[in-house]
């Protein structure tokens, strides 16, 4: 608690790994993630029993699985957060290529589980969504390329990262998975902007994105149906958005009470995409504001620590990771309140989903590793020393 209030203690090179890790880690961010996972288990107890009963399973089947996957995710997060940025980069690059190959093979070996989009590999006892694991690896890979392009005699990393981004976006759009494609494109755009991209190039990219959206609307019935539903002034109360909107309205400020919510009996994705509707109905606006505050603390704390970082690669990779994390949470909650078109995207560490939880643990572990305090001095002190030479 002392470090939370007064700041971290400067690291000593001869310290053992665990004490050094504890002094340098961002404890506020780590604590917020643990609280979010706890809230996810609590909401899972409320939202998943109806689905378990429908599928003939034990009442807390999905909660038990979420606890197992979440426990593994927390363990992975802590292990990755203890690694050095160099080791994180090396493992992330390897993981990126493995996820990239898995994503490329999805049309041939993947399954859609009857949802109309081939996004998963079925393992029998579980399923794996490669795009979830691709995101953290891609961010680190793109940050490495962008940072290398700023070195004297370095490779054209900006071009390489852009080509890589386009390839991934096209593969995701072909599934179709426009939500993950948008996240990948957004993450690259943020890193490209932080790396010093000219505004003209960013405007051109924004125009290309708009053109791509128009093309997707005209060529994909699935995409067009969701956009039309979002723009329609009338909301069908028997749709998922209709049920979610009504649940949020019924919850009010303090909710209808624990276990008293009804939306979980109507929504097939109450434990995943629309978990925030369950929270709003049973626990009210107070719970929703708490969840939003936890995500805000993670994003703001991480960005503030990254602003002090001198290493270009760490600054870019950390910014990309935390921005994708925050925007994914914003999209999930925005869909539930009809601020955004319907999109199947989980709420990080709160929604049910093995791939989402474990990949989220890897991503936040990387973020914690990049935002650890390092004995590098303040940027102003370095500039002052250069000016006095």
Protein backbone atom coordinates (compact mmCIF):
# COMPACT_ATOMS: atom_id res chain seq x y z
CA UNK A 1 0.00 0.00 0.00
CA UNK A 2 2.92 2.35 0.65
CA UNK A 3 4.09 2.05 -2.95
CA UNK A 4 0.55 2.75 -4.19
CA UNK A 5 0.50 6.10 -2.37
CA UNK A 6 4.10 7.29 -2.47
CA UNK A 7 5.39 5.59 -5.63
CA UNK A 8 7.72 2.69 -6.27
CA UNK A 9 11.10 2.20 -4.65
CA UNK A 10 14.09 2.35 -7.04
CA UNK A 11 15.16 -1.15 -8.05
CA UNK A 12 18.47 -2.60 -6.95
CA UNK A 13 20.23 -4.79 -9.47
CA UNK A 14 21.24 -7.46 -6.96
CA UNK A 15 17.72 -8.09 -5.61
CA UNK A 16 16.03 -11.47 -5.98
CA UNK A 17 13.39 -11.73 -8.68
CA UNK A 18 10.25 -11.70 -6.53
CA UNK A 19 11.14 -8.72 -4.28
CA UNK A 20 12.30 -6.74 -7.32
CA UNK A 21 9.11 -7.63 -9.19
CA UNK A 22 6.91 -6.62 -6.23
CA UNK A 23 8.58 -3.21 -5.87
CA UNK A 24 8.50 -2.35 -9.57
CA UNK A 25 5.06 -3.68 -10.62
CA UNK A 26 2.07 -1.36 -11.01
CA UNK A 27 0.01 -2.67 -8.10
CA UNK A 28 -3.05 -0.55 -8.93
CA UNK A 29 -3.36 -2.11 -12.39
CA UNK A 30 -2.81 -5.63 -11.10
CA UNK A 31 -5.35 -5.11 -8.30
CA UNK A 32 -7.97 -3.79 -10.73
CA UNK A 33 -7.55 -6.85 -12.96
CA UNK A 34 -8.01 -9.18 -10.00
CA UNK A 35 -11.15 -7.30 -8.93
CA UNK A 36 -12.55 -7.50 -12.47
CA UNK A 37 -11.98 -11.25 -12.49
CA UNK A 38 -13.76 -11.55 -9.14
CA UNK A 39 -16.70 -9.54 -10.48
CA UNK A 40 -16.77 -11.82 -13.52
CA UNK A 41 -17.10 -14.90 -11.30
CA UNK A 42 -19.87 -13.21 -9.31
CA UNK A 43 -21.79 -12.31 -12.47
CA UNK A 44 -21.16 -15.79 -13.85
CA UNK A 45 -22.96 -17.25 -10.84
CA UNK A 46 -25.98 -15.18 -11.82
CA UNK A 47 -25.91 -15.47 -15.62
CA UNK A 48 -24.74 -18.99 -16.51
CA UNK A 49 -27.11 -21.41 -14.64
CA UNK A 50 -29.98 -20.89 -17.15
CA UNK A 51 -27.69 -21.84 -20.04
CA UNK A 52 -26.35 -24.82 -18.10
CA UNK A 53 -29.91 -26.02 -17.42
CA UNK A 54 -30.79 -25.59 -21.10
CA UNK A 55 -27.80 -27.75 -22.12
CA UNK A 56 -28.44 -30.38 -19.44
CA UNK A 57 -25.33 -29.55 -17.40
CA UNK A 58 -24.65 -28.91 -13.74
CA UNK A 59 -25.93 -25.47 -12.60
CA UNK A 60 -22.45 -24.03 -12.08
CA UNK A 61 -20.72 -25.81 -14.96
CA UNK A 62 -19.76 -22.63 -16.75
CA UNK A 63 -18.73 -20.85 -13.54
CA UNK A 64 -16.40 -23.71 -12.68
CA UNK A 65 -14.83 -23.58 -16.13
CA UNK A 66 -14.50 -19.81 -15.88
CA UNK A 67 -12.74 -20.18 -12.53
CA UNK A 68 -10.31 -22.73 -13.99
CA UNK A 69 -9.55 -20.71 -17.12
CA UNK A 70 -9.41 -17.49 -15.11
CA UNK A 71 -7.04 -18.99 -12.55
CA UNK A 72 -4.77 -20.09 -15.38
CA UNK A 73 -5.03 -16.59 -16.90
CA UNK A 74 -4.03 -14.93 -13.60
CA UNK A 75 -1.07 -17.31 -13.26
CA UNK A 76 0.07 -16.58 -16.81
CA UNK A 77 -0.34 -12.85 -16.20
CA UNK A 78 1.89 -12.94 -13.12
CA UNK A 79 4.56 -15.07 -14.82
CA UNK A 80 4.69 -12.86 -17.93
CA UNK A 81 4.80 -9.70 -15.79
CA UNK A 82 8.03 -10.96 -14.18
CA UNK A 83 9.80 -11.21 -17.54
CA UNK A 84 12.12 -8.61 -19.00
CA UNK A 85 10.86 -6.60 -22.01
CA UNK A 86 13.39 -8.38 -24.23
CA UNK A 87 12.13 -11.82 -23.22
CA UNK A 88 8.52 -10.68 -23.62
CA UNK A 89 9.30 -9.47 -27.14
CA UNK A 90 10.96 -12.73 -28.15
CA UNK A 91 8.17 -14.93 -26.84
CA UNK A 92 5.51 -12.62 -28.29
CA UNK A 93 7.03 -12.83 -31.77
CA UNK A 94 7.04 -16.63 -31.59
CA UNK A 95 3.47 -16.63 -30.32
CA UNK A 96 2.43 -14.21 -33.05
CA UNK A 97 3.68 -16.45 -35.86
CA UNK A 98 1.98 -19.49 -34.29
CA UNK A 99 -1.34 -17.60 -33.98
CA UNK A 100 -0.94 -16.20 -37.51
CA UNK A 101 -0.58 -19.71 -38.97
CA UNK A 102 -3.54 -20.91 -36.91
CA UNK A 103 -5.63 -18.00 -38.19
CA UNK A 104 -4.65 -18.74 -41.79
CA UNK A 105 -5.71 -22.40 -41.42
CA UNK A 106 -9.11 -21.62 -39.89
CA UNK A 107 -11.04 -21.82 -43.21
CA UNK A 108 -9.80 -25.40 -43.63
CA UNK A 109 -9.67 -26.77 -40.07
CA UNK A 110 -11.89 -24.44 -38.04
CA UNK A 111 -15.54 -24.59 -37.05
CA UNK A 112 -18.33 -22.04 -36.62
CA UNK A 113 -20.36 -23.86 -33.91
CA UNK A 114 -23.47 -22.90 -35.86
CA UNK A 115 -22.87 -19.15 -35.44
CA UNK A 116 -22.10 -18.42 -39.09
CA UNK A 117 -18.47 -17.37 -38.55
CA UNK A 118 -15.52 -19.76 -38.64
CA UNK A 119 -13.45 -18.44 -35.73
CA UNK A 120 -12.66 -21.46 -33.55
CA UNK A 121 -10.77 -24.74 -33.41
CA UNK A 122 -12.75 -27.43 -31.63
CA UNK A 123 -10.65 -29.55 -29.26
CA UNK A 124 -13.55 -31.61 -27.98
CA UNK A 125 -13.27 -30.57 -24.34
CA UNK A 126 -12.77 -26.89 -25.25
CA UNK A 127 -12.41 -24.49 -28.18
CA UNK A 128 -9.63 -22.08 -29.14
CA UNK A 129 -10.08 -18.73 -30.90
CA UNK A 130 -6.74 -17.84 -32.58
CA UNK A 131 -7.62 -14.16 -33.05
CA UNK A 132 -7.64 -13.63 -29.28
CA UNK A 133 -4.05 -14.86 -28.98
CA UNK A 134 -3.02 -13.04 -32.15
CA UNK A 135 -3.78 -9.56 -30.71
CA UNK A 136 -1.05 -9.30 -28.03
CA UNK A 137 1.53 -10.92 -30.29
CA UNK A 138 0.64 -8.61 -33.17
CA UNK A 139 0.93 -5.49 -31.00
CA UNK A 140 4.42 -6.45 -29.84
CA UNK A 141 5.47 -7.45 -33.37
CA UNK A 142 4.19 -4.21 -34.90
CA UNK A 143 5.77 -2.12 -32.11
CA UNK A 144 9.11 -3.84 -32.74
CA UNK A 145 8.92 -3.05 -36.46
CA UNK A 146 7.87 0.56 -35.86
CA UNK A 147 10.65 1.08 -33.29
CA UNK A 148 13.24 -0.45 -35.62
CA UNK A 149 12.23 1.92 -38.40
CA UNK A 150 13.32 4.89 -36.25
CA UNK A 151 16.87 3.61 -35.91
CA UNK A 152 19.60 4.87 -38.24
CA UNK A 153 19.89 2.37 -41.08
CA UNK A 154 16.90 0.44 -39.73
CA UNK A 155 14.42 -1.51 -41.86
CA UNK A 156 11.26 0.08 -43.33
CA UNK A 157 9.30 -1.15 -40.33
CA UNK A 158 6.32 1.13 -40.90
CA UNK A 159 5.68 -0.39 -44.30
CA UNK A 160 6.22 -3.94 -43.04
CA UNK A 161 3.85 -3.39 -40.11
CA UNK A 162 1.21 -1.89 -42.40
CA UNK A 163 1.36 -4.83 -44.82
CA UNK A 164 1.12 -7.24 -41.90
CA UNK A 165 -1.88 -5.34 -40.53
CA UNK A 166 -3.69 -5.44 -43.87
CA UNK A 167 -3.12 -9.19 -44.19
CA UNK A 168 -4.53 -9.88 -40.72
CA UNK A 169 -7.51 -7.55 -41.21
CA UNK A 170 -8.41 -9.28 -44.50
CA UNK A 171 -8.18 -12.74 -42.92
CA UNK A 172 -10.39 -11.67 -40.01
CA UNK A 173 -12.92 -9.99 -42.29
CA UNK A 174 -13.17 -13.20 -44.32
CA UNK A 175 -14.36 -15.21 -41.27
CA UNK A 176 -16.24 -12.75 -40.86
CA UNK A 177 -15.01 -11.09 -37.66
CA UNK A 178 -15.17 -7.35 -38.25
CA UNK A 179 -14.85 -6.56 -34.55
CA UNK A 180 -11.44 -8.17 -34.11
CA UNK A 181 -10.36 -6.72 -37.46
CA UNK A 182 -11.29 -3.24 -36.24
CA UNK A 183 -9.35 -3.80 -32.99
CA UNK A 184 -6.22 -4.88 -34.89
CA UNK A 185 -6.47 -1.86 -37.19
CA UNK A 186 -7.11 0.48 -34.26
CA UNK A 187 -4.14 -0.87 -32.29
CA UNK A 188 -1.80 -0.40 -35.23
CA UNK A 189 -3.17 3.09 -35.88
CA UNK A 190 -2.55 4.16 -32.28
CA UNK A 191 1.03 2.88 -32.35
CA UNK A 192 1.64 4.46 -35.74
CA UNK A 193 0.35 7.77 -34.40
CA UNK A 194 2.53 7.57 -31.27
CA UNK A 195 5.52 6.71 -33.46
CA UNK A 196 5.13 10.08 -35.20
CA UNK A 197 2.98 9.43 -38.24
CA UNK A 198 2.10 12.45 -40.41
CA UNK A 199 -1.53 13.53 -40.16
CA UNK A 200 -1.98 13.24 -43.92
CA UNK A 201 -1.21 9.52 -43.81
CA UNK A 202 -3.61 9.01 -40.91
CA UNK A 203 -6.35 10.83 -42.84
CA UNK A 204 -5.71 8.62 -45.88
CA UNK A 205 -5.92 5.50 -43.68
CA UNK A 206 -9.17 6.77 -42.13
CA UNK A 207 -10.64 7.24 -45.63
CA UNK A 208 -9.58 3.71 -46.56
CA UNK A 209 -11.28 2.37 -43.44
CA UNK A 210 -14.51 4.18 -44.36
CA UNK A 211 -14.31 2.82 -47.89
CA UNK A 212 -13.76 -0.67 -46.48
CA UNK A 213 -16.82 -0.27 -44.27
CA UNK A 214 -18.95 0.72 -47.25
CA UNK A 215 -17.66 -2.27 -49.22
CA UNK A 216 -18.39 -4.62 -46.30
CA UNK A 217 -21.90 -3.20 -45.97
CA UNK A 218 -22.63 -3.79 -49.66
CA UNK A 219 -21.06 -7.25 -49.84
CA UNK A 220 -21.86 -8.84 -46.47
CA UNK A 221 -25.48 -9.49 -45.52
CA UNK A 222 -24.39 -10.23 -41.93
CA UNK A 223 -22.60 -6.88 -41.61
CA UNK A 224 -25.41 -4.93 -43.32
CA UNK A 225 -28.08 -6.49 -41.08
CA UNK A 226 -26.27 -5.38 -37.93
CA UNK A 227 -25.73 -1.85 -39.22
CA UNK A 228 -29.37 -1.55 -40.30
CA UNK A 229 -30.50 -2.81 -36.89
CA UNK A 230 -28.32 -0.25 -35.17
CA UNK A 231 -29.56 2.66 -37.31
CA UNK A 232 -33.21 1.66 -37.13
CA UNK A 233 -35.26 3.98 -34.86
CA UNK A 234 -37.37 0.99 -33.73
CA UNK A 235 -35.93 -1.64 -31.42
CA UNK A 236 -37.43 -5.13 -31.49
CA UNK A 237 -37.89 -6.11 -27.81
CA UNK A 238 -37.42 -9.80 -28.67
CA UNK A 239 -33.86 -9.35 -29.96
CA UNK A 240 -30.71 -9.55 -27.85
CA UNK A 241 -30.35 -5.77 -27.89
CA UNK A 242 -34.00 -5.43 -26.91
CA UNK A 243 -33.61 -7.75 -23.93
CA UNK A 244 -30.36 -6.05 -22.85
CA UNK A 245 -31.85 -2.56 -23.11
CA UNK A 246 -34.87 -3.56 -21.05
CA UNK A 247 -32.65 -5.19 -18.40
CA UNK A 248 -30.55 -2.05 -18.02
CA UNK A 249 -33.71 0.03 -17.71
CA UNK A 250 -35.19 -2.30 -15.07
CA UNK A 251 -32.01 -2.30 -13.00
CA UNK A 252 -32.07 1.40 -12.21
CA UNK A 253 -29.51 2.70 -9.72
CA UNK A 254 -29.37 -0.23 -7.29
CA UNK A 255 -30.66 -3.20 -9.28
CA UNK A 256 -33.54 -5.60 -8.74
CA UNK A 257 -31.56 -7.78 -6.34
CA UNK A 258 -29.12 -10.67 -6.45
CA UNK A 259 -30.59 -13.56 -8.44
CA UNK A 260 -33.78 -11.66 -9.25
CA UNK A 261 -32.84 -10.65 -12.80
CA UNK A 262 -34.78 -12.07 -15.75
CA UNK A 263 -32.59 -11.17 -18.73
CA UNK A 264 -30.34 -14.22 -18.19
CA UNK A 265 -33.32 -16.46 -19.07
CA UNK A 266 -33.85 -14.69 -22.42
CA UNK A 267 -30.33 -13.88 -23.65
CA UNK A 268 -28.32 -16.82 -25.04
CA UNK A 269 -25.10 -14.79 -24.62
CA UNK A 270 -25.88 -13.37 -21.18
CA UNK A 271 -22.65 -14.83 -19.74
CA UNK A 272 -20.44 -13.55 -22.58
CA UNK A 273 -21.30 -10.65 -24.89
CA UNK A 274 -24.07 -9.17 -22.71
CA UNK A 275 -22.70 -9.78 -19.23
CA UNK A 276 -22.92 -6.05 -18.49
CA UNK A 277 -26.72 -6.25 -18.92
CA UNK A 278 -26.86 -8.87 -16.16
CA UNK A 279 -24.74 -6.61 -13.93
CA UNK A 280 -26.97 -3.61 -14.63
CA UNK A 281 -30.21 -5.49 -13.96
CA UNK A 282 -29.24 -7.26 -10.74
CA UNK A 283 -26.77 -4.79 -9.22
CA UNK A 284 -27.77 -1.54 -10.89
CA UNK A 285 -25.89 1.46 -12.22
CA UNK A 286 -23.57 1.45 -9.19
CA UNK A 287 -22.01 -1.87 -10.25
CA UNK A 288 -21.68 -0.73 -13.87
CA UNK A 289 -19.92 2.48 -12.80
CA UNK A 290 -17.55 0.43 -10.64
CA UNK A 291 -16.66 -1.78 -13.61
CA UNK A 292 -16.10 1.26 -15.83
CA UNK A 293 -13.91 2.86 -13.15
CA UNK A 294 -11.75 -0.27 -12.90
CA UNK A 295 -11.10 -0.26 -16.66
CA UNK A 296 -10.42 3.48 -16.58
CA UNK A 297 -7.83 3.07 -13.80
CA UNK A 298 -6.01 0.37 -15.76
CA UNK A 299 -5.89 2.48 -18.94
CA UNK A 300 -4.96 5.78 -17.30
CA UNK A 301 -2.37 4.31 -14.91
CA UNK A 302 -0.67 2.41 -17.72
CA UNK A 303 -0.56 5.40 -20.07
CA UNK A 304 0.86 7.65 -17.35
CA UNK A 305 3.66 5.18 -16.63
CA UNK A 306 4.36 4.72 -20.35
CA UNK A 307 4.71 8.49 -20.79
CA UNK A 308 7.86 8.31 -18.63
CA UNK A 309 9.35 5.46 -20.67
CA UNK A 310 12.32 6.31 -22.90
CA UNK A 311 12.53 3.02 -24.79
CA UNK A 312 10.57 3.49 -28.03
CA UNK A 313 9.62 -0.17 -28.36
CA UNK A 314 8.28 -0.41 -24.80
CA UNK A 315 6.33 2.82 -25.19
CA UNK A 316 4.72 1.72 -28.45
CA UNK A 317 3.95 -1.86 -27.37
CA UNK A 318 2.51 -0.80 -24.03
CA UNK A 319 0.35 1.88 -25.63
CA UNK A 320 -1.01 -0.57 -28.20
CA UNK A 321 -1.82 -3.20 -25.58
CA UNK A 322 -3.62 -0.88 -23.18
CA UNK A 323 -5.57 0.91 -25.95
CA UNK A 324 -6.86 -2.37 -27.42
CA UNK A 325 -7.76 -3.52 -23.90
CA UNK A 326 -9.71 -0.34 -23.16
CA UNK A 327 -11.44 -0.13 -26.53
CA UNK A 328 -12.57 -3.76 -26.36
CA UNK A 329 -14.23 -3.05 -23.01
CA UNK A 330 -15.80 0.10 -24.44
CA UNK A 331 -17.17 -1.76 -27.48
CA UNK A 332 -18.71 -4.51 -25.36
CA UNK A 333 -20.48 -2.06 -23.05
CA UNK A 334 -21.36 0.28 -25.92
CA UNK A 335 -23.18 -2.52 -27.75
CA UNK A 336 -25.24 -3.38 -24.65
CA UNK A 337 -26.54 0.19 -24.36
CA UNK A 338 -26.97 0.52 -28.14
CA UNK A 339 -24.26 3.14 -28.63
CA UNK A 340 -22.54 0.83 -31.12
CA UNK A 341 -23.70 -1.82 -33.62
CA UNK A 342 -24.07 -5.36 -32.31
CA UNK A 343 -20.74 -7.16 -32.20
CA UNK A 344 -19.77 -10.42 -30.56
CA UNK A 345 -16.95 -9.23 -28.29
CA UNK A 346 -16.26 -10.22 -24.71
CA UNK A 347 -15.76 -7.91 -21.74
CA UNK A 348 -12.12 -8.51 -20.67
CA UNK A 349 -11.80 -10.65 -17.51
CA UNK A 350 -15.55 -10.41 -16.82
CA UNK A 351 -17.18 -12.37 -19.66
CA UNK A 352 -17.01 -16.15 -19.87
CA UNK A 353 -14.56 -17.56 -22.41
CA UNK A 354 -11.36 -19.55 -22.10
CA UNK A 355 -9.53 -18.03 -25.06
CA UNK A 356 -10.52 -14.51 -24.04
CA UNK A 357 -9.44 -14.98 -20.42
CA UNK A 358 -6.07 -16.60 -21.12
CA UNK A 359 -5.22 -14.25 -24.00
CA UNK A 360 -6.23 -11.33 -21.78
CA UNK A 361 -3.93 -12.62 -19.05
CA UNK A 362 -1.06 -12.77 -21.54
CA UNK A 363 -1.76 -9.24 -22.81
CA UNK A 364 -2.03 -7.66 -19.36
CA UNK A 365 1.03 -9.60 -18.22
CA UNK A 366 2.95 -8.02 -21.11
CA UNK A 367 1.55 -4.62 -20.18
CA UNK A 368 2.63 -5.04 -16.55
CA UNK A 369 6.10 -6.09 -17.69
CA UNK A 370 6.39 -3.00 -19.91
CA UNK A 371 5.14 -0.60 -17.23
CA UNK A 372 7.38 -1.85 -14.44
CA UNK A 373 9.58 0.86 -12.91
CA UNK A 374 13.12 0.81 -14.25
CA UNK A 375 16.15 2.89 -13.10
CA UNK A 376 16.24 5.11 -16.18
CA UNK A 377 15.88 8.60 -14.73
CA UNK A 378 13.37 11.25 -15.73
CA UNK A 379 13.22 12.48 -19.31
CA UNK A 380 13.66 16.09 -18.17
CA UNK A 381 16.87 15.26 -16.32
CA UNK A 382 18.36 13.71 -19.45
CA UNK A 383 17.45 16.70 -21.63
CA UNK A 384 18.90 19.06 -19.01
CA UNK A 385 22.19 17.16 -18.93
CA UNK A 386 22.40 17.30 -22.73
CA UNK A 387 21.77 21.05 -22.71
CA UNK A 388 24.56 21.64 -20.18
CA UNK A 389 27.18 19.79 -22.22
